[in-house]
Amino acid sequence: GNDPDVMRWLAGLANERNPMMSVVEDAGAGGVAAGETRLR
């Protein structure tokens, strides 16, 4: 869990599963709507 390569890989998998997670604070709750709000 301290290995940066492992964390990069896991974060990449998480980002594939939920692309909004790396760009919006609460992507789980709002998803695309939260992203569109932030974009506006």
PDB file of all heavy atoms in Angstrom:
ATOM      1  N   GLY A   1       0.796  -1.230   0.000  1.00  0.00           N
ATOM      2  CA  GLY A   1       0.000   0.000   0.000  1.00  0.00           C
ATOM      3  C   GLY A   1       0.821   1.269   0.000  1.00  0.00           C
ATOM      4  O   GLY A   1       0.286   2.353  -0.220  1.00  0.00           O
ATOM      5  N   ASN A   2       2.118   1.170   0.223  1.00  0.00           N
ATOM      6  CA  ASN A   2       2.994   2.340   0.180  1.00  0.00           C
ATOM      7  C   ASN A   2       3.724   2.458  -1.152  1.00  0.00           C
ATOM      8  O   ASN A   2       4.411   3.439  -1.389  1.00  0.00           O
ATOM      9  CB  ASN A   2       4.037   2.283   1.300  1.00  0.00           C
ATOM     10  CG  ASN A   2       3.419   2.435   2.672  1.00  0.00           C
ATOM     11  OD1 ASN A   2       2.286   2.848   2.814  1.00  0.00           O
ATOM     12  ND2 ASN A   2       4.167   2.089   3.691  1.00  0.00           N
ATOM     13  N   ASP A   3       3.601   1.458  -2.001  1.00  0.00           N
ATOM     14  CA  ASP A   3       4.341   1.435  -3.259  1.00  0.00           C
ATOM     15  C   ASP A   3       3.663   2.376  -4.261  1.00  0.00           C
ATOM     16  O   ASP A   3       2.499   2.185  -4.608  1.00  0.00           O
ATOM     17  CB  ASP A   3       4.370   0.006  -3.810  1.00  0.00           C
ATOM     18  CG  ASP A   3       5.278  -0.127  -5.008  1.00  0.00           C
ATOM     19  OD1 ASP A   3       5.106   0.651  -5.976  1.00  0.00           O
ATOM     20  OD2 ASP A   3       6.151  -1.007  -4.983  1.00  0.00           O
ATOM     21  N   PRO A   4       4.371   3.396  -4.745  1.00  0.00           N
ATOM     22  CA  PRO A   4       3.733   4.346  -5.654  1.00  0.00           C
ATOM     23  C   PRO A   4       3.266   3.708  -6.964  1.00  0.00           C
ATOM     24  O   PRO A   4       2.244   4.122  -7.520  1.00  0.00           O
ATOM     25  CB  PRO A   4       4.811   5.411  -5.901  1.00  0.00           C
ATOM     26  CG  PRO A   4       6.095   4.785  -5.502  1.00  0.00           C
ATOM     27  CD  PRO A   4       5.767   3.733  -4.476  1.00  0.00           C
ATOM     28  N   ASP A   5       3.976   2.703  -7.444  1.00  0.00           N
ATOM     29  CA  ASP A   5       3.540   2.039  -8.671  1.00  0.00           C
ATOM     30  C   ASP A   5       2.218   1.308  -8.457  1.00  0.00           C
ATOM     31  O   ASP A   5       1.337   1.336  -9.320  1.00  0.00           O
ATOM     32  CB  ASP A   5       4.602   1.052  -9.165  1.00  0.00           C
ATOM     33  CG  ASP A   5       5.834   1.755  -9.705  1.00  0.00           C
ATOM     34  OD1 ASP A   5       5.711   2.906 -10.181  1.00  0.00           O
ATOM     35  OD2 ASP A   5       6.923   1.156  -9.646  1.00  0.00           O
ATOM     36  N   VAL A   6       2.077   0.664  -7.315  1.00  0.00           N
ATOM     37  CA  VAL A   6       0.821  -0.024  -6.991  1.00  0.00           C
ATOM     38  C   VAL A   6      -0.306   0.989  -6.875  1.00  0.00           C
ATOM     39  O   VAL A   6      -1.401   0.788  -7.419  1.00  0.00           O
ATOM     40  CB  VAL A   6       0.960  -0.851  -5.689  1.00  0.00           C
ATOM     41  CG1 VAL A   6      -0.391  -1.365  -5.217  1.00  0.00           C
ATOM     42  CG2 VAL A   6       1.937  -2.001  -5.885  1.00  0.00           C
ATOM     43  N   MET A   7      -0.045   2.111  -6.195  1.00  0.00           N
ATOM     44  CA  MET A   7      -1.087   3.112  -6.018  1.00  0.00           C
ATOM     45  C   MET A   7      -1.468   3.765  -7.342  1.00  0.00           C
ATOM     46  O   MET A   7      -2.636   4.039  -7.587  1.00  0.00           O
ATOM     47  CB  MET A   7      -0.654   4.158  -4.984  1.00  0.00           C
ATOM     48  CG  MET A   7      -0.479   3.567  -3.579  1.00  0.00           C
ATOM     49  SD  MET A   7      -1.897   2.579  -3.014  1.00  0.00           S
ATOM     50  CE  MET A   7      -3.085   3.876  -2.711  1.00  0.00           C
ATOM     51  N   ARG A   8      -0.490   3.992  -8.221  1.00  0.00           N
ATOM     52  CA  ARG A   8      -0.802   4.532  -9.549  1.00  0.00           C
ATOM     53  C   ARG A   8      -1.718   3.567 -10.303  1.00  0.00           C
ATOM     54  O   ARG A   8      -2.688   3.980 -10.932  1.00  0.00           O
ATOM     55  CB  ARG A   8       0.480   4.728 -10.360  1.00  0.00           C
ATOM     56  CG  ARG A   8       1.244   5.953 -10.045  1.00  0.00           C
ATOM     57  CD  ARG A   8       2.452   6.108 -10.987  1.00  0.00           C
ATOM     58  NE  ARG A   8       3.377   7.052 -10.441  1.00  0.00           N
ATOM     59  CZ  ARG A   8       4.493   6.739  -9.790  1.00  0.00           C
ATOM     60  NH1 ARG A   8       4.854   5.470  -9.635  1.00  0.00           N
ATOM     61  NH2 ARG A   8       5.266   7.685  -9.300  1.00  0.00           N
ATOM     62  N   TRP A   9      -1.364   2.296 -10.247  1.00  0.00           N
ATOM     63  CA  TRP A   9      -2.137   1.289 -10.968  1.00  0.00           C
ATOM     64  C   TRP A   9      -3.557   1.184 -10.406  1.00  0.00           C
ATOM     65  O   TRP A   9      -4.531   1.183 -11.159  1.00  0.00           O
ATOM     66  CB  TRP A   9      -1.411  -0.052 -10.897  1.00  0.00           C
ATOM     67  CG  TRP A   9      -2.108  -1.144 -11.627  1.00  0.00           C
ATOM     68  CD1 TRP A   9      -2.287  -1.269 -12.972  1.00  0.00           C
ATOM     69  CD2 TRP A   9      -2.743  -2.281 -11.037  1.00  0.00           C
ATOM     70  NE1 TRP A   9      -2.988  -2.429 -13.258  1.00  0.00           N
ATOM     71  CE2 TRP A   9      -3.279  -3.067 -12.088  1.00  0.00           C
ATOM     72  CE3 TRP A   9      -2.890  -2.714  -9.724  1.00  0.00           C
ATOM     73  CZ2 TRP A   9      -3.967  -4.243 -11.855  1.00  0.00           C
ATOM     74  CZ3 TRP A   9      -3.572  -3.897  -9.502  1.00  0.00           C
ATOM     75  CH2 TRP A   9      -4.106  -4.644 -10.557  1.00  0.00           C
ATOM     76  N   LEU A  10      -3.667   1.110  -9.088  1.00  0.00           N
ATOM     77  CA  LEU A  10      -4.993   1.007  -8.464  1.00  0.00           C
ATOM     78  C   LEU A  10      -5.816   2.271  -8.723  1.00  0.00           C
ATOM     79  O   LEU A  10      -7.020   2.191  -8.984  1.00  0.00           O
ATOM     80  CB  LEU A  10      -4.868   0.738  -6.962  1.00  0.00           C
ATOM     81  CG  LEU A  10      -4.381  -0.656  -6.579  1.00  0.00           C
ATOM     82  CD1 LEU A  10      -4.119  -0.742  -5.076  1.00  0.00           C
ATOM     83  CD2 LEU A  10      -5.372  -1.724  -7.011  1.00  0.00           C
ATOM     84  N   ALA A  11      -5.167   3.436  -8.655  1.00  0.00           N
ATOM     85  CA  ALA A  11      -5.881   4.684  -8.932  1.00  0.00           C
ATOM     86  C   ALA A  11      -6.340   4.708 -10.390  1.00  0.00           C
ATOM     87  O   ALA A  11      -7.437   5.180 -10.698  1.00  0.00           O
ATOM     88  CB  ALA A  11      -4.997   5.890  -8.625  1.00  0.00           C
ATOM     89  N   GLY A  12      -5.527   4.165 -11.290  1.00  0.00           N
ATOM     90  CA  GLY A  12      -5.926   4.077 -12.693  1.00  0.00           C
ATOM     91  C   GLY A  12      -7.140   3.183 -12.876  1.00  0.00           C
ATOM     92  O   GLY A  12      -8.060   3.513 -13.631  1.00  0.00           O
ATOM     93  N   LEU A  13      -7.147   2.047 -12.176  1.00  0.00           N
ATOM     94  CA  LEU A  13      -8.313   1.154 -12.232  1.00  0.00           C
ATOM     95  C   LEU A  13      -9.552   1.846 -11.674  1.00  0.00           C
ATOM     96  O   LEU A  13     -10.643   1.743 -12.250  1.00  0.00           O
ATOM     97  CB  LEU A  13      -8.049  -0.125 -11.440  1.00  0.00           C
ATOM     98  CG  LEU A  13      -7.043  -1.106 -12.012  1.00  0.00           C
ATOM     99  CD1 LEU A  13      -6.824  -2.266 -11.038  1.00  0.00           C
ATOM    100  CD2 LEU A  13      -7.514  -1.639 -13.353  1.00  0.00           C
ATOM    101  N   ALA A  14      -9.376   2.541 -10.553  1.00  0.00           N
ATOM    102  CA  ALA A  14     -10.506   3.252  -9.944  1.00  0.00           C
ATOM    103  C   ALA A  14     -11.017   4.335 -10.890  1.00  0.00           C
ATOM    104  O   ALA A  14     -12.223   4.552 -11.010  1.00  0.00           O
ATOM    105  CB  ALA A  14     -10.099   3.849  -8.604  1.00  0.00           C
ATOM    106  N   ASN A  15     -10.097   4.990 -11.576  1.00  0.00           N
ATOM    107  CA  ASN A  15     -10.476   6.044 -12.515  1.00  0.00           C
ATOM    108  C   ASN A  15     -11.205   5.466 -13.726  1.00  0.00           C
ATOM    109  O   ASN A  15     -12.117   6.091 -14.274  1.00  0.00           O
ATOM    110  CB  ASN A  15      -9.238   6.832 -12.954  1.00  0.00           C
ATOM    111  CG  ASN A  15      -9.600   8.135 -13.613  1.00  0.00           C
ATOM    112  OD1 ASN A  15     -10.553   8.783 -13.243  1.00  0.00           O
ATOM    113  ND2 ASN A  15      -8.821   8.509 -14.601  1.00  0.00           N
ATOM    114  N   GLU A  16     -10.819   4.268 -14.149  1.00  0.00           N
ATOM    115  CA  GLU A  16     -11.547   3.605 -15.242  1.00  0.00           C
ATOM    116  C   GLU A  16     -12.967   3.269 -14.807  1.00  0.00           C
ATOM    117  O   GLU A  16     -13.908   3.382 -15.578  1.00  0.00           O
ATOM    118  CB  GLU A  16     -10.828   2.317 -15.674  1.00  0.00           C
ATOM    119  CG  GLU A  16      -9.600   2.549 -16.493  1.00  0.00           C
ATOM    120  CD  GLU A  16      -9.901   3.214 -17.827  1.00  0.00           C
ATOM    121  OE1 GLU A  16     -10.855   2.797 -18.512  1.00  0.00           O
ATOM    122  OE2 GLU A  16      -9.167   4.153 -18.176  1.00  0.00           O
ATOM    123  N   ARG A  17     -13.094   2.840 -13.576  1.00  0.00           N
ATOM    124  CA  ARG A  17     -14.410   2.477 -13.033  1.00  0.00           C
ATOM    125  C   ARG A  17     -15.280   3.706 -12.838  1.00  0.00           C
ATOM    126  O   ARG A  17     -16.491   3.663 -13.060  1.00  0.00           O
ATOM    127  CB  ARG A  17     -14.202   1.751 -11.701  1.00  0.00           C
ATOM    128  CG  ARG A  17     -15.467   1.249 -11.076  1.00  0.00           C
ATOM    129  CD  ARG A  17     -15.135   0.422  -9.855  1.00  0.00           C
ATOM    130  NE  ARG A  17     -16.336   0.121  -9.117  1.00  0.00           N
ATOM    131  CZ  ARG A  17     -16.385  -0.013  -7.808  1.00  0.00           C
ATOM    132  NH1 ARG A  17     -15.281   0.102  -7.099  1.00  0.00           N
ATOM    133  NH2 ARG A  17     -17.507  -0.279  -7.207  1.00  0.00           N
ATOM    134  N   ASN A  18     -14.663   4.811 -12.387  1.00  0.00           N
ATOM    135  CA  ASN A  18     -15.393   6.052 -12.143  1.00  0.00           C
ATOM    136  C   ASN A  18     -14.531   7.216 -12.635  1.00  0.00           C
ATOM    137  O   ASN A  18     -13.766   7.781 -11.860  1.00  0.00           O
ATOM    138  CB  ASN A  18     -15.713   6.205 -10.653  1.00  0.00           C
ATOM    139  CG  ASN A  18     -16.455   7.488 -10.348  1.00  0.00           C
ATOM    140  OD1 ASN A  18     -16.796   8.262 -11.235  1.00  0.00           O
ATOM    141  ND2 ASN A  18     -16.696   7.734  -9.078  1.00  0.00           N
ATOM    142  N   PRO A  19     -14.632   7.573 -13.913  1.00  0.00           N
ATOM    143  CA  PRO A  19     -13.774   8.611 -14.483  1.00  0.00           C
ATOM    144  C   PRO A  19     -13.874   9.966 -13.781  1.00  0.00           C
ATOM    145  O   PRO A  19     -12.953  10.761 -13.845  1.00  0.00           O
ATOM    146  CB  PRO A  19     -14.256   8.731 -15.932  1.00  0.00           C
ATOM    147  CG  PRO A  19     -14.927   7.440 -16.226  1.00  0.00           C
ATOM    148  CD  PRO A  19     -15.500   6.981 -14.922  1.00  0.00           C
ATOM    149  N   MET A  20     -14.964  10.220 -13.096  1.00  0.00           N
ATOM    150  CA  MET A  20     -15.136  11.511 -12.436  1.00  0.00           C
ATOM    151  C   MET A  20     -14.328  11.614 -11.136  1.00  0.00           C
ATOM    152  O   MET A  20     -14.087  12.705 -10.648  1.00  0.00           O
ATOM    153  CB  MET A  20     -16.619  11.760 -12.128  1.00  0.00           C
ATOM    154  CG  MET A  20     -17.504  11.834 -13.356  1.00  0.00           C
ATOM    155  SD  MET A  20     -16.971  13.023 -14.600  1.00  0.00           S
ATOM    156  CE  MET A  20     -17.047  14.522 -13.679  1.00  0.00           C
ATOM    157  N   MET A  21     -13.881  10.480 -10.599  1.00  0.00           N
ATOM    158  CA  MET A  21     -13.249  10.511  -9.282  1.00  0.00           C
ATOM    159  C   MET A  21     -11.996  11.368  -9.212  1.00  0.00           C
ATOM    160  O   MET A  21     -11.703  11.938  -8.184  1.00  0.00           O
ATOM    161  CB  MET A  21     -12.939   9.110  -8.778  1.00  0.00           C
ATOM    162  CG  MET A  21     -11.800   8.429  -9.495  1.00  0.00           C
ATOM    163  SD  MET A  21     -10.838   7.429  -8.384  1.00  0.00           S
ATOM    164  CE  MET A  21      -9.211   7.948  -8.860  1.00  0.00           C
ATOM    165  N   SER A  22     -11.270  11.469 -10.306  1.00  0.00           N
ATOM    166  CA  SER A  22     -10.019  12.222 -10.245  1.00  0.00           C
ATOM    167  C   SER A  22     -10.191  13.710 -10.536  1.00  0.00           C
ATOM    168  O   SER A  22      -9.246  14.465 -10.423  1.00  0.00           O
ATOM    169  CB  SER A  22      -8.997  11.626 -11.217  1.00  0.00           C
ATOM    170  OG  SER A  22      -9.403  11.825 -12.540  1.00  0.00           O
ATOM    171  N   VAL A  23     -11.406  14.109 -10.890  1.00  0.00           N
ATOM    172  CA  VAL A  23     -11.600  15.515 -11.237  1.00  0.00           C
ATOM    173  C   VAL A  23     -12.644  16.237 -10.389  1.00  0.00           C
ATOM    174  O   VAL A  23     -12.700  17.458 -10.400  1.00  0.00           O
ATOM    175  CB  VAL A  23     -11.944  15.686 -12.736  1.00  0.00           C
ATOM    176  CG1 VAL A  23     -10.755  15.359 -13.598  1.00  0.00           C
ATOM    177  CG2 VAL A  23     -13.135  14.875 -13.133  1.00  0.00           C
ATOM    178  N   VAL A  24     -13.477  15.502  -9.681  1.00  0.00           N
ATOM    179  CA  VAL A  24     -14.531  16.117  -8.872  1.00  0.00           C
ATOM    180  C   VAL A  24     -14.417  15.611  -7.448  1.00  0.00           C
ATOM    181  O   VAL A  24     -14.233  14.409  -7.220  1.00  0.00           O
ATOM    182  CB  VAL A  24     -15.937  15.782  -9.444  1.00  0.00           C
ATOM    183  CG1 VAL A  24     -17.026  16.404  -8.608  1.00  0.00           C
ATOM    184  CG2 VAL A  24     -16.045  16.255 -10.882  1.00  0.00           C
ATOM    185  N   GLU A  25     -14.530  16.524  -6.481  1.00  0.00           N
ATOM    186  CA  GLU A  25     -14.376  16.160  -5.075  1.00  0.00           C
ATOM    187  C   GLU A  25     -15.247  14.990  -4.652  1.00  0.00           C
ATOM    188  O   GLU A  25     -14.792  14.056  -4.072  1.00  0.00           O
ATOM    189  CB  GLU A  25     -14.688  17.354  -4.152  1.00  0.00           C
ATOM    190  CG  GLU A  25     -13.566  18.333  -4.005  1.00  0.00           C
ATOM    191  CD  GLU A  25     -12.279  17.732  -3.455  1.00  0.00           C
ATOM    192  OE1 GLU A  25     -12.316  16.856  -2.566  1.00  0.00           O
ATOM    193  OE2 GLU A  25     -11.226  18.143  -3.922  1.00  0.00           O
ATOM    194  N   ASP A  26     -16.538  15.068  -4.929  1.00  0.00           N
ATOM    195  CA  ASP A  26     -17.456  14.029  -4.462  1.00  0.00           C
ATOM    196  C   ASP A  26     -18.077  13.310  -5.655  1.00  0.00           C
ATOM    197  O   ASP A  26     -19.278  13.346  -5.863  1.00  0.00           O
ATOM    198  CB  ASP A  26     -18.537  14.651  -3.574  1.00  0.00           C
ATOM    199  CG  ASP A  26     -19.302  13.613  -2.772  1.00  0.00           C
ATOM    200  OD1 ASP A  26     -18.872  12.438  -2.764  1.00  0.00           O
ATOM    201  OD2 ASP A  26     -20.317  13.966  -2.180  1.00  0.00           O
ATOM    202  N   ALA A  27     -17.227  12.667  -6.434  1.00  0.00           N
ATOM    203  CA  ALA A  27     -17.689  12.022  -7.669  1.00  0.00           C
ATOM    204  C   ALA A  27     -18.656  10.886  -7.410  1.00  0.00           C
ATOM    205  O   ALA A  27     -19.525  10.613  -8.219  1.00  0.00           O
ATOM    206  CB  ALA A  27     -16.493  11.504  -8.468  1.00  0.00           C
ATOM    207  N   GLY A  28     -18.521  10.218  -6.285  1.00  0.00           N
ATOM    208  CA  GLY A  28     -19.401   9.089  -5.991  1.00  0.00           C
ATOM    209  C   GLY A  28     -20.837   9.522  -5.843  1.00  0.00           C
ATOM    210  O   GLY A  28     -21.749   8.875  -6.323  1.00  0.00           O
ATOM    211  N   ALA A  29     -21.044  10.658  -5.179  1.00  0.00           N
ATOM    212  CA  ALA A  29     -22.401  11.113  -4.918  1.00  0.00           C
ATOM    213  C   ALA A  29     -23.034  11.771  -6.139  1.00  0.00           C
ATOM    214  O   ALA A  29     -24.197  11.592  -6.405  1.00  0.00           O
ATOM    215  CB  ALA A  29     -22.410  12.090  -3.740  1.00  0.00           C
ATOM    216  N   GLY A  30     -22.238  12.539  -6.911  1.00  0.00           N
ATOM    217  CA  GLY A  30     -22.818  13.298  -7.999  1.00  0.00           C
ATOM    218  C   GLY A  30     -22.497  12.789  -9.380  1.00  0.00           C
ATOM    219  O   GLY A  30     -23.214  13.071 -10.327  1.00  0.00           O
ATOM    220  N   GLY A  31     -21.406  12.069  -9.514  1.00  0.00           N
ATOM    221  CA  GLY A  31     -21.008  11.522 -10.803  1.00  0.00           C
ATOM    222  C   GLY A  31     -20.919  12.571 -11.889  1.00  0.00           C
ATOM    223  O   GLY A  31     -20.335  13.635 -11.698  1.00  0.00           O
ATOM    224  N   VAL A  32     -21.496  12.285 -13.049  1.00  0.00           N
ATOM    225  CA  VAL A  32     -21.437  13.178 -14.195  1.00  0.00           C
ATOM    226  C   VAL A  32     -22.084  14.521 -13.866  1.00  0.00           C
ATOM    227  O   VAL A  32     -21.575  15.577 -14.265  1.00  0.00           O
ATOM    228  CB  VAL A  32     -22.108  12.529 -15.436  1.00  0.00           C
ATOM    229  CG1 VAL A  32     -22.212  13.509 -16.575  1.00  0.00           C
ATOM    230  CG2 VAL A  32     -21.325  11.297 -15.863  1.00  0.00           C
ATOM    231  N   ALA A  33     -23.174  14.518 -13.127  1.00  0.00           N
ATOM    232  CA  ALA A  33     -23.847  15.775 -12.781  1.00  0.00           C
ATOM    233  C   ALA A  33     -22.903  16.684 -11.998  1.00  0.00           C
ATOM    234  O   ALA A  33     -22.861  17.897 -12.240  1.00  0.00           O
ATOM    235  CB  ALA A  33     -25.111  15.497 -11.981  1.00  0.00           C
ATOM    236  N   ALA A  34     -22.134  16.115 -11.084  1.00  0.00           N
ATOM    237  CA  ALA A  34     -21.175  16.912 -10.312  1.00  0.00           C
ATOM    238  C   ALA A  34     -20.101  17.478 -11.238  1.00  0.00           C
ATOM    239  O   ALA A  34     -19.684  18.629 -11.090  1.00  0.00           O
ATOM    240  CB  ALA A  34     -20.538  16.064  -9.217  1.00  0.00           C
ATOM    241  N   GLY A  35     -19.669  16.682 -12.203  1.00  0.00           N
ATOM    242  CA  GLY A  35     -18.678  17.147 -13.165  1.00  0.00           C
ATOM    243  C   GLY A  35     -19.219  18.262 -14.041  1.00  0.00           C
ATOM    244  O   GLY A  35     -18.532  19.254 -14.298  1.00  0.00           O
ATOM    245  N   GLU A  36     -20.451  18.107 -14.494  1.00  0.00           N
ATOM    246  CA  GLU A  36     -21.059  19.144 -15.334  1.00  0.00           C
ATOM    247  C   GLU A  36     -21.267  20.442 -14.557  1.00  0.00           C
ATOM    248  O   GLU A  36     -21.085  21.531 -15.095  1.00  0.00           O
ATOM    249  CB  GLU A  36     -22.366  18.629 -15.929  1.00  0.00           C
ATOM    250  CG  GLU A  36     -22.126  17.566 -16.989  1.00  0.00           C
ATOM    251  CD  GLU A  36     -23.381  16.901 -17.504  1.00  0.00           C
ATOM    252  OE1 GLU A  36     -24.411  16.907 -16.775  1.00  0.00           O
ATOM    253  OE2 GLU A  36     -23.339  16.362 -18.621  1.00  0.00           O
ATOM    254  N   THR A  37     -21.617  20.316 -13.272  1.00  0.00           N
ATOM    255  CA  THR A  37     -21.769  21.501 -12.431  1.00  0.00           C
ATOM    256  C   THR A  37     -20.438  22.220 -12.295  1.00  0.00           C
ATOM    257  O   THR A  37     -20.348  23.442 -12.432  1.00  0.00           O
ATOM    258  CB  THR A  37     -22.316  21.119 -11.038  1.00  0.00           C
ATOM    259  OG1 THR A  37     -23.604  20.537 -11.212  1.00  0.00           O
ATOM    260  CG2 THR A  37     -22.401  22.323 -10.115  1.00  0.00           C
ATOM    261  N   ARG A  38     -19.377  21.471 -12.031  1.00  0.00           N
ATOM    262  CA  ARG A  38     -18.055  22.071 -11.899  1.00  0.00           C
ATOM    263  C   ARG A  38     -17.613  22.704 -13.221  1.00  0.00           C
ATOM    264  O   ARG A  38     -17.036  23.789 -13.235  1.00  0.00           O
ATOM    265  CB  ARG A  38     -17.041  21.016 -11.433  1.00  0.00           C
ATOM    266  CG  ARG A  38     -15.638  21.525 -11.305  1.00  0.00           C
ATOM    267  CD  ARG A  38     -15.498  22.557 -10.209  1.00  0.00           C
ATOM    268  NE  ARG A  38     -14.125  23.031 -10.151  1.00  0.00           N
ATOM    269  CZ  ARG A  38     -13.779  24.251  -9.830  1.00  0.00           C
ATOM    270  NH1 ARG A  38     -14.707  25.135  -9.490  1.00  0.00           N
ATOM    271  NH2 ARG A  38     -12.521  24.614  -9.807  1.00  0.00           N
ATOM    272  N   LEU A  39     -17.922  22.060 -14.329  1.00  0.00           N
ATOM    273  CA  LEU A  39     -17.571  22.600 -15.638  1.00  0.00           C
ATOM    274  C   LEU A  39     -18.288  23.927 -15.881  1.00  0.00           C
ATOM    275  O   LEU A  39     -17.689  24.891 -16.381  1.00  0.00           O
ATOM    276  CB  LEU A  39     -17.923  21.585 -16.728  1.00  0.00           C
ATOM    277  CG  LEU A  39     -17.412  21.876 -18.131  1.00  0.00           C
ATOM    278  CD1 LEU A  39     -15.899  22.036 -18.155  1.00  0.00           C
ATOM    279  CD2 LEU A  39     -17.835  20.754 -19.076  1.00  0.00           C
ATOM    280  N   ARG A  40     -19.571  23.997 -15.504  1.00  0.00           N
ATOM    281  CA  ARG A  40     -20.314  25.269 -15.637  1.00  0.00           C
ATOM    282  C   ARG A  40     -19.672  26.357 -14.781  1.00  0.00           C
ATOM    283  O   ARG A  40     -19.556  27.505 -15.204  1.00  0.00           O
ATOM    284  CB  ARG A  40     -21.782  25.078 -15.242  1.00  0.00           C
ATOM    285  CG  ARG A  40     -22.639  24.509 -16.349  1.00  0.00           C
ATOM    286  CD  ARG A  40     -24.125  24.626 -16.052  1.00  0.00           C
ATOM    287  NE  ARG A  40     -24.535  23.943 -14.837  1.00  0.00           N
ATOM    288  CZ  ARG A  40     -24.799  22.639 -14.745  1.00  0.00           C
ATOM    289  NH1 ARG A  40     -24.701  21.883 -15.818  1.00  0.00           N
ATOM    290  NH2 ARG A  40     -25.170  22.103 -13.604  1.00  0.00           N
TER     291      ARG A  40
END
